[in-house]
Amino acid sequence: RRFWVGYQYVITNRNHSLEGHWEV
């Protein structure tokens, strides 16, 4: 089961691997 929950992942770098951080 997969549900939307109240967090968003902000991408800060799109090199070989996606870098970023979670925010409420």
PDB file of all heavy atoms in Angstrom:
ATOM      1  N   ARG A   1       0.845  -1.184   0.000  1.00  0.00           N
ATOM      2  CA  ARG A   1       0.000   0.000   0.000  1.00  0.00           C
ATOM      3  C   ARG A   1       0.882   1.235   0.000  1.00  0.00           C
ATOM      4  O   ARG A   1       1.791   1.356   0.819  1.00  0.00           O
ATOM      5  CB  ARG A   1      -0.895   0.022   1.253  1.00  0.00           C
ATOM      6  CG  ARG A   1      -1.682  -1.271   1.480  1.00  0.00           C
ATOM      7  CD  ARG A   1      -2.732  -1.471   0.406  1.00  0.00           C
ATOM      8  NE  ARG A   1      -3.551  -2.643   0.663  1.00  0.00           N
ATOM      9  CZ  ARG A   1      -3.771  -3.607  -0.213  1.00  0.00           C
ATOM     10  NH1 ARG A   1      -3.213  -3.553  -1.403  1.00  0.00           N
ATOM     11  NH2 ARG A   1      -4.546  -4.625   0.083  1.00  0.00           N
ATOM     12  N   ARG A   2       0.602   2.163  -0.899  1.00  0.00           N
ATOM     13  CA  ARG A   2       1.342   3.427  -0.924  1.00  0.00           C
ATOM     14  C   ARG A   2       0.371   4.584  -0.813  1.00  0.00           C
ATOM     15  O   ARG A   2      -0.639   4.625  -1.506  1.00  0.00           O
ATOM     16  CB  ARG A   2       2.182   3.530  -2.199  1.00  0.00           C
ATOM     17  CG  ARG A   2       3.475   2.726  -2.108  1.00  0.00           C
ATOM     18  CD  ARG A   2       4.159   2.581  -3.450  1.00  0.00           C
ATOM     19  NE  ARG A   2       4.644   3.849  -3.964  1.00  0.00           N
ATOM     20  CZ  ARG A   2       5.404   3.958  -5.056  1.00  0.00           C
ATOM     21  NH1 ARG A   2       5.763   2.880  -5.721  1.00  0.00           N
ATOM     22  NH2 ARG A   2       5.797   5.144  -5.473  1.00  0.00           N
ATOM     23  N   PHE A   3       0.684   5.534   0.101  1.00  0.00           N
ATOM     24  CA  PHE A   3      -0.197   6.659   0.372  1.00  0.00           C
ATOM     25  C   PHE A   3       0.583   7.956   0.243  1.00  0.00           C
ATOM     26  O   PHE A   3       1.730   8.052   0.683  1.00  0.00           O
ATOM     27  CB  PHE A   3      -0.762   6.590   1.804  1.00  0.00           C
ATOM     28  CG  PHE A   3      -1.246   5.244   2.242  1.00  0.00           C
ATOM     29  CD1 PHE A   3      -0.772   4.676   3.411  1.00  0.00           C
ATOM     30  CD2 PHE A   3      -2.176   4.551   1.489  1.00  0.00           C
ATOM     31  CE1 PHE A   3      -1.221   3.440   3.827  1.00  0.00           C
ATOM     32  CE2 PHE A   3      -2.635   3.317   1.892  1.00  0.00           C
ATOM     33  CZ  PHE A   3      -2.152   2.746   3.060  1.00  0.00           C
ATOM     34  N   TRP A   4      -0.076   8.984  -0.287  1.00  0.00           N
ATOM     35  CA  TRP A   4       0.474  10.336  -0.157  1.00  0.00           C
ATOM     36  C   TRP A   4       0.486  10.713   1.318  1.00  0.00           C
ATOM     37  O   TRP A   4      -0.478  10.479   2.039  1.00  0.00           O
ATOM     38  CB  TRP A   4      -0.381  11.356  -0.901  1.00  0.00           C
ATOM     39  CG  TRP A   4      -0.377  11.337  -2.393  1.00  0.00           C
ATOM     40  CD1 TRP A   4      -1.482  11.296  -3.202  1.00  0.00           C
ATOM     41  CD2 TRP A   4       0.745  11.419  -3.279  1.00  0.00           C
ATOM     42  NE1 TRP A   4      -1.111  11.325  -4.532  1.00  0.00           N
ATOM     43  CE2 TRP A   4       0.257  11.405  -4.607  1.00  0.00           C
ATOM     44  CE3 TRP A   4       2.129  11.491  -3.079  1.00  0.00           C
ATOM     45  CZ2 TRP A   4       1.077  11.460  -5.718  1.00  0.00           C
ATOM     46  CZ3 TRP A   4       2.956  11.538  -4.181  1.00  0.00           C
ATOM     47  CH2 TRP A   4       2.441  11.529  -5.486  1.00  0.00           C
ATOM     48  N   VAL A   5       1.573  11.333   1.762  1.00  0.00           N
ATOM     49  CA  VAL A   5       1.654  11.903   3.109  1.00  0.00           C
ATOM     50  C   VAL A   5       2.253  13.309   2.989  1.00  0.00           C
ATOM     51  O   VAL A   5       2.709  13.720   1.921  1.00  0.00           O
ATOM     52  CB  VAL A   5       2.495  11.019   4.056  1.00  0.00           C
ATOM     53  CG1 VAL A   5       1.729   9.761   4.443  1.00  0.00           C
ATOM     54  CG2 VAL A   5       3.842  10.665   3.441  1.00  0.00           C
ATOM     55  N   GLY A   6       2.268  14.057   4.083  1.00  0.00           N
ATOM     56  CA  GLY A   6       2.500  15.497   4.007  1.00  0.00           C
ATOM     57  C   GLY A   6       3.948  15.955   3.986  1.00  0.00           C
ATOM     58  O   GLY A   6       4.300  16.875   4.730  1.00  0.00           O
ATOM     59  N   TYR A   7       4.765  15.343   3.150  1.00  0.00           N
ATOM     60  CA  TYR A   7       6.156  15.775   2.989  1.00  0.00           C
ATOM     61  C   TYR A   7       6.459  15.995   1.507  1.00  0.00           C
ATOM     62  O   TYR A   7       5.815  15.401   0.637  1.00  0.00           O
ATOM     63  CB  TYR A   7       7.124  14.714   3.532  1.00  0.00           C
ATOM     64  CG  TYR A   7       6.966  14.414   4.995  1.00  0.00           C
ATOM     65  CD1 TYR A   7       6.178  13.347   5.412  1.00  0.00           C
ATOM     66  CD2 TYR A   7       7.598  15.182   5.963  1.00  0.00           C
ATOM     67  CE1 TYR A   7       6.021  13.061   6.760  1.00  0.00           C
ATOM     68  CE2 TYR A   7       7.456  14.896   7.312  1.00  0.00           C
ATOM     69  CZ  TYR A   7       6.665  13.831   7.705  1.00  0.00           C
ATOM     70  OH  TYR A   7       6.518  13.553   9.033  1.00  0.00           O
ATOM     71  N   GLN A   8       7.458  16.824   1.245  1.00  0.00           N
ATOM     72  CA  GLN A   8       7.925  17.046  -0.123  1.00  0.00           C
ATOM     73  C   GLN A   8       9.452  16.973  -0.157  1.00  0.00           C
ATOM     74  O   GLN A   8      10.122  17.404   0.793  1.00  0.00           O
ATOM     75  CB  GLN A   8       7.444  18.404  -0.643  1.00  0.00           C
ATOM     76  CG  GLN A   8       5.939  18.460  -0.830  1.00  0.00           C
ATOM     77  CD  GLN A   8       5.458  19.818  -1.300  1.00  0.00           C
ATOM     78  OE1 GLN A   8       6.088  20.829  -1.045  1.00  0.00           O
ATOM     79  NE2 GLN A   8       4.316  19.846  -1.982  1.00  0.00           N
ATOM     80  N   TYR A   9       9.969  16.415  -1.249  1.00  0.00           N
ATOM     81  CA  TYR A   9      11.410  16.272  -1.427  1.00  0.00           C
ATOM     82  C   TYR A   9      11.879  17.347  -2.401  1.00  0.00           C
ATOM     83  O   TYR A   9      11.461  17.380  -3.565  1.00  0.00           O
ATOM     84  CB  TYR A   9      11.754  14.886  -1.966  1.00  0.00           C
ATOM     85  CG  TYR A   9      13.238  14.575  -1.955  1.00  0.00           C
ATOM     86  CD1 TYR A   9      13.866  14.154  -0.784  1.00  0.00           C
ATOM     87  CD2 TYR A   9      14.003  14.701  -3.107  1.00  0.00           C
ATOM     88  CE1 TYR A   9      15.214  13.868  -0.764  1.00  0.00           C
ATOM     89  CE2 TYR A   9      15.356  14.420  -3.101  1.00  0.00           C
ATOM     90  CZ  TYR A   9      15.957  14.003  -1.919  1.00  0.00           C
ATOM     91  OH  TYR A   9      17.307  13.729  -1.896  1.00  0.00           O
ATOM     92  N   VAL A  10      12.720  18.243  -1.923  1.00  0.00           N
ATOM     93  CA  VAL A  10      13.220  19.359  -2.733  1.00  0.00           C
ATOM     94  C   VAL A  10      14.568  18.970  -3.325  1.00  0.00           C
ATOM     95  O   VAL A  10      15.532  18.703  -2.592  1.00  0.00           O
ATOM     96  CB  VAL A  10      13.359  20.638  -1.880  1.00  0.00           C
ATOM     97  CG1 VAL A  10      13.883  21.788  -2.736  1.00  0.00           C
ATOM     98  CG2 VAL A  10      12.023  20.999  -1.239  1.00  0.00           C
ATOM     99  N   ILE A  11      14.647  18.927  -4.663  1.00  0.00           N
ATOM    100  CA  ILE A  11      15.879  18.536  -5.353  1.00  0.00           C
ATOM    101  C   ILE A  11      16.810  19.743  -5.450  1.00  0.00           C
ATOM    102  O   ILE A  11      16.418  20.808  -5.917  1.00  0.00           O
ATOM    103  CB  ILE A  11      15.563  17.992  -6.758  1.00  0.00           C
ATOM    104  CG1 ILE A  11      14.691  16.732  -6.653  1.00  0.00           C
ATOM    105  CG2 ILE A  11      16.848  17.678  -7.523  1.00  0.00           C
ATOM    106  CD1 ILE A  11      14.203  16.220  -7.983  1.00  0.00           C
ATOM    107  N   THR A  12      18.039  19.569  -4.993  1.00  0.00           N
ATOM    108  CA  THR A  12      19.029  20.652  -5.028  1.00  0.00           C
ATOM    109  C   THR A  12      20.136  20.394  -6.035  1.00  0.00           C
ATOM    110  O   THR A  12      20.872  21.310  -6.398  1.00  0.00           O
ATOM    111  CB  THR A  12      19.643  20.859  -3.638  1.00  0.00           C
ATOM    112  OG1 THR A  12      20.205  19.614  -3.177  1.00  0.00           O
ATOM    113  CG2 THR A  12      18.581  21.318  -2.644  1.00  0.00           C
ATOM    114  N   ASN A  13      20.281  19.145  -6.501  1.00  0.00           N
ATOM    115  CA  ASN A  13      21.366  18.814  -7.433  1.00  0.00           C
ATOM    116  C   ASN A  13      20.929  17.651  -8.306  1.00  0.00           C
ATOM    117  O   ASN A  13      20.431  16.643  -7.798  1.00  0.00           O
ATOM    118  CB  ASN A  13      22.640  18.456  -6.655  1.00  0.00           C
ATOM    119  CG  ASN A  13      23.869  18.433  -7.572  1.00  0.00           C
ATOM    120  OD1 ASN A  13      23.747  18.300  -8.784  1.00  0.00           O
ATOM    121  ND2 ASN A  13      25.040  18.563  -6.976  1.00  0.00           N
ATOM    122  N   ARG A  14      21.086  17.762  -9.623  1.00  0.00           N
ATOM    123  CA  ARG A  14      20.663  16.718 -10.558  1.00  0.00           C
ATOM    124  C   ARG A  14      21.861  16.089 -11.265  1.00  0.00           C
ATOM    125  O   ARG A  14      21.824  15.847 -12.460  1.00  0.00           O
ATOM    126  CB  ARG A  14      19.699  17.295 -11.597  1.00  0.00           C
ATOM    127  CG  ARG A  14      18.272  17.447 -11.102  1.00  0.00           C
ATOM    128  CD  ARG A  14      17.371  17.885 -12.218  1.00  0.00           C
ATOM    129  NE  ARG A  14      15.972  17.857 -11.825  1.00  0.00           N
ATOM    130  CZ  ARG A  14      15.186  16.805 -11.943  1.00  0.00           C
ATOM    131  NH1 ARG A  14      15.664  15.683 -12.445  1.00  0.00           N
ATOM    132  NH2 ARG A  14      13.928  16.862 -11.572  1.00  0.00           N
ATOM    133  N   ASN A  15      22.927  15.800 -10.543  1.00  0.00           N
ATOM    134  CA  ASN A  15      24.070  15.129 -11.155  1.00  0.00           C
ATOM    135  C   ASN A  15      23.755  13.646 -11.344  1.00  0.00           C
ATOM    136  O   ASN A  15      22.648  13.276 -11.670  1.00  0.00           O
ATOM    137  CB  ASN A  15      25.325  15.337 -10.292  1.00  0.00           C
ATOM    138  CG  ASN A  15      25.836  16.771 -10.425  1.00  0.00           C
ATOM    139  OD1 ASN A  15      25.506  17.471 -11.377  1.00  0.00           O
ATOM    140  ND2 ASN A  15      26.615  17.204  -9.447  1.00  0.00           N
ATOM    141  N   HIS A  16      24.750  12.796 -11.139  1.00  0.00           N
ATOM    142  CA  HIS A  16      24.540  11.363 -11.358  1.00  0.00           C
ATOM    143  C   HIS A  16      23.464  10.795 -10.432  1.00  0.00           C
ATOM    144  O   HIS A  16      22.727   9.895 -10.801  1.00  0.00           O
ATOM    145  CB  HIS A  16      25.861  10.609 -11.155  1.00  0.00           C
ATOM    146  CG  HIS A  16      26.927  11.052 -12.122  1.00  0.00           C
ATOM    147  ND1 HIS A  16      26.841  10.820 -13.483  1.00  0.00           N
ATOM    148  CD2 HIS A  16      28.082  11.734 -11.924  1.00  0.00           C
ATOM    149  CE1 HIS A  16      27.903  11.341 -14.088  1.00  0.00           C
ATOM    150  NE2 HIS A  16      28.676  11.900 -13.152  1.00  0.00           N
ATOM    151  N   SER A  17      23.389  11.307  -9.220  1.00  0.00           N
ATOM    152  CA  SER A  17      22.321  10.918  -8.294  1.00  0.00           C
ATOM    153  C   SER A  17      21.590  12.173  -7.838  1.00  0.00           C
ATOM    154  O   SER A  17      22.205  13.224  -7.670  1.00  0.00           O
ATOM    155  CB  SER A  17      22.908  10.184  -7.082  1.00  0.00           C
ATOM    156  OG  SER A  17      23.782  11.033  -6.378  1.00  0.00           O
ATOM    157  N   LEU A  18      20.306  12.035  -7.680  1.00  0.00           N
ATOM    158  CA  LEU A  18      19.508  13.186  -7.262  1.00  0.00           C
ATOM    159  C   LEU A  18      19.812  13.519  -5.805  1.00  0.00           C
ATOM    160  O   LEU A  18      19.707  12.661  -4.929  1.00  0.00           O
ATOM    161  CB  LEU A  18      18.018  12.889  -7.431  1.00  0.00           C
ATOM    162  CG  LEU A  18      17.527  12.761  -8.876  1.00  0.00           C
ATOM    163  CD1 LEU A  18      16.053  12.396  -8.891  1.00  0.00           C
ATOM    164  CD2 LEU A  18      17.741  14.063  -9.633  1.00  0.00           C
ATOM    165  N   GLU A  19      20.192  14.765  -5.571  1.00  0.00           N
ATOM    166  CA  GLU A  19      20.448  15.208  -4.197  1.00  0.00           C
ATOM    167  C   GLU A  19      19.379  16.209  -3.787  1.00  0.00           C
ATOM    168  O   GLU A  19      18.902  16.995  -4.602  1.00  0.00           O
ATOM    169  CB  GLU A  19      21.830  15.861  -4.094  1.00  0.00           C
ATOM    170  CG  GLU A  19      22.976  14.913  -4.437  1.00  0.00           C
ATOM    171  CD  GLU A  19      24.319  15.624  -4.409  1.00  0.00           C
ATOM    172  OE1 GLU A  19      24.360  16.790  -3.948  1.00  0.00           O
ATOM    173  OE2 GLU A  19      25.303  15.025  -4.852  1.00  0.00           O
ATOM    174  N   GLY A  20      19.014  16.159  -2.521  1.00  0.00           N
ATOM    175  CA  GLY A  20      17.994  17.075  -2.027  1.00  0.00           C
ATOM    176  C   GLY A  20      17.700  16.812  -0.567  1.00  0.00           C
ATOM    177  O   GLY A  20      18.483  16.163   0.140  1.00  0.00           O
ATOM    178  N   HIS A  21      16.553  17.296  -0.103  1.00  0.00           N
ATOM    179  CA  HIS A  21      16.195  17.121   1.303  1.00  0.00           C
ATOM    180  C   HIS A  21      14.672  17.133   1.438  1.00  0.00           C
ATOM    181  O   HIS A  21      13.961  17.707   0.619  1.00  0.00           O
ATOM    182  CB  HIS A  21      16.806  18.231   2.170  1.00  0.00           C
ATOM    183  CG  HIS A  21      16.368  19.610   1.768  1.00  0.00           C
ATOM    184  ND1 HIS A  21      17.033  20.345   0.803  1.00  0.00           N
ATOM    185  CD2 HIS A  21      15.317  20.392   2.170  1.00  0.00           C
ATOM    186  CE1 HIS A  21      16.434  21.511   0.649  1.00  0.00           C
ATOM    187  NE2 HIS A  21      15.384  21.560   1.454  1.00  0.00           N
ATOM    188  N   TRP A  22      14.211  16.490   2.509  1.00  0.00           N
ATOM    189  CA  TRP A  22      12.791  16.466   2.815  1.00  0.00           C
ATOM    190  C   TRP A  22      12.382  17.734   3.545  1.00  0.00           C
ATOM    191  O   TRP A  22      13.143  18.282   4.339  1.00  0.00           O
ATOM    192  CB  TRP A  22      12.449  15.273   3.717  1.00  0.00           C
ATOM    193  CG  TRP A  22      12.436  13.942   3.046  1.00  0.00           C
ATOM    194  CD1 TRP A  22      13.324  12.924   3.226  1.00  0.00           C
ATOM    195  CD2 TRP A  22      11.465  13.452   2.101  1.00  0.00           C
ATOM    196  NE1 TRP A  22      12.982  11.839   2.461  1.00  0.00           N
ATOM    197  CE2 TRP A  22      11.847  12.134   1.767  1.00  0.00           C
ATOM    198  CE3 TRP A  22      10.326  14.006   1.515  1.00  0.00           C
ATOM    199  CZ2 TRP A  22      11.105  11.361   0.862  1.00  0.00           C
ATOM    200  CZ3 TRP A  22       9.606  13.241   0.617  1.00  0.00           C
ATOM    201  CH2 TRP A  22       9.993  11.935   0.300  1.00  0.00           C
ATOM    202  N   GLU A  23      11.172  18.187   3.299  1.00  0.00           N
ATOM    203  CA  GLU A  23      10.575  19.280   4.049  1.00  0.00           C
ATOM    204  C   GLU A  23       9.143  18.907   4.411  1.00  0.00           C
ATOM    205  O   GLU A  23       8.482  18.169   3.677  1.00  0.00           O
ATOM    206  CB  GLU A  23      10.539  20.585   3.220  1.00  0.00           C
ATOM    207  CG  GLU A  23      11.903  21.199   2.969  1.00  0.00           C
ATOM    208  CD  GLU A  23      11.797  22.525   2.224  1.00  0.00           C
ATOM    209  OE1 GLU A  23      10.650  22.907   1.868  1.00  0.00           O
ATOM    210  OE2 GLU A  23      12.828  23.164   2.000  1.00  0.00           O
ATOM    211  N   VAL A  24       8.681  19.427   5.557  1.00  0.00           N
ATOM    212  CA  VAL A  24       7.263  19.321   5.866  1.00  0.00           C
ATOM    213  C   VAL A  24       6.520  20.221   4.889  1.00  0.00           C
ATOM    214  O   VAL A  24       6.918  21.366   4.655  1.00  0.00           O
ATOM    215  CB  VAL A  24       6.988  19.743   7.322  1.00  0.00           C
ATOM    216  CG1 VAL A  24       5.493  19.733   7.611  1.00  0.00           C
ATOM    217  CG2 VAL A  24       7.711  18.825   8.286  1.00  0.00           C
TER     218      VAL A  24
END
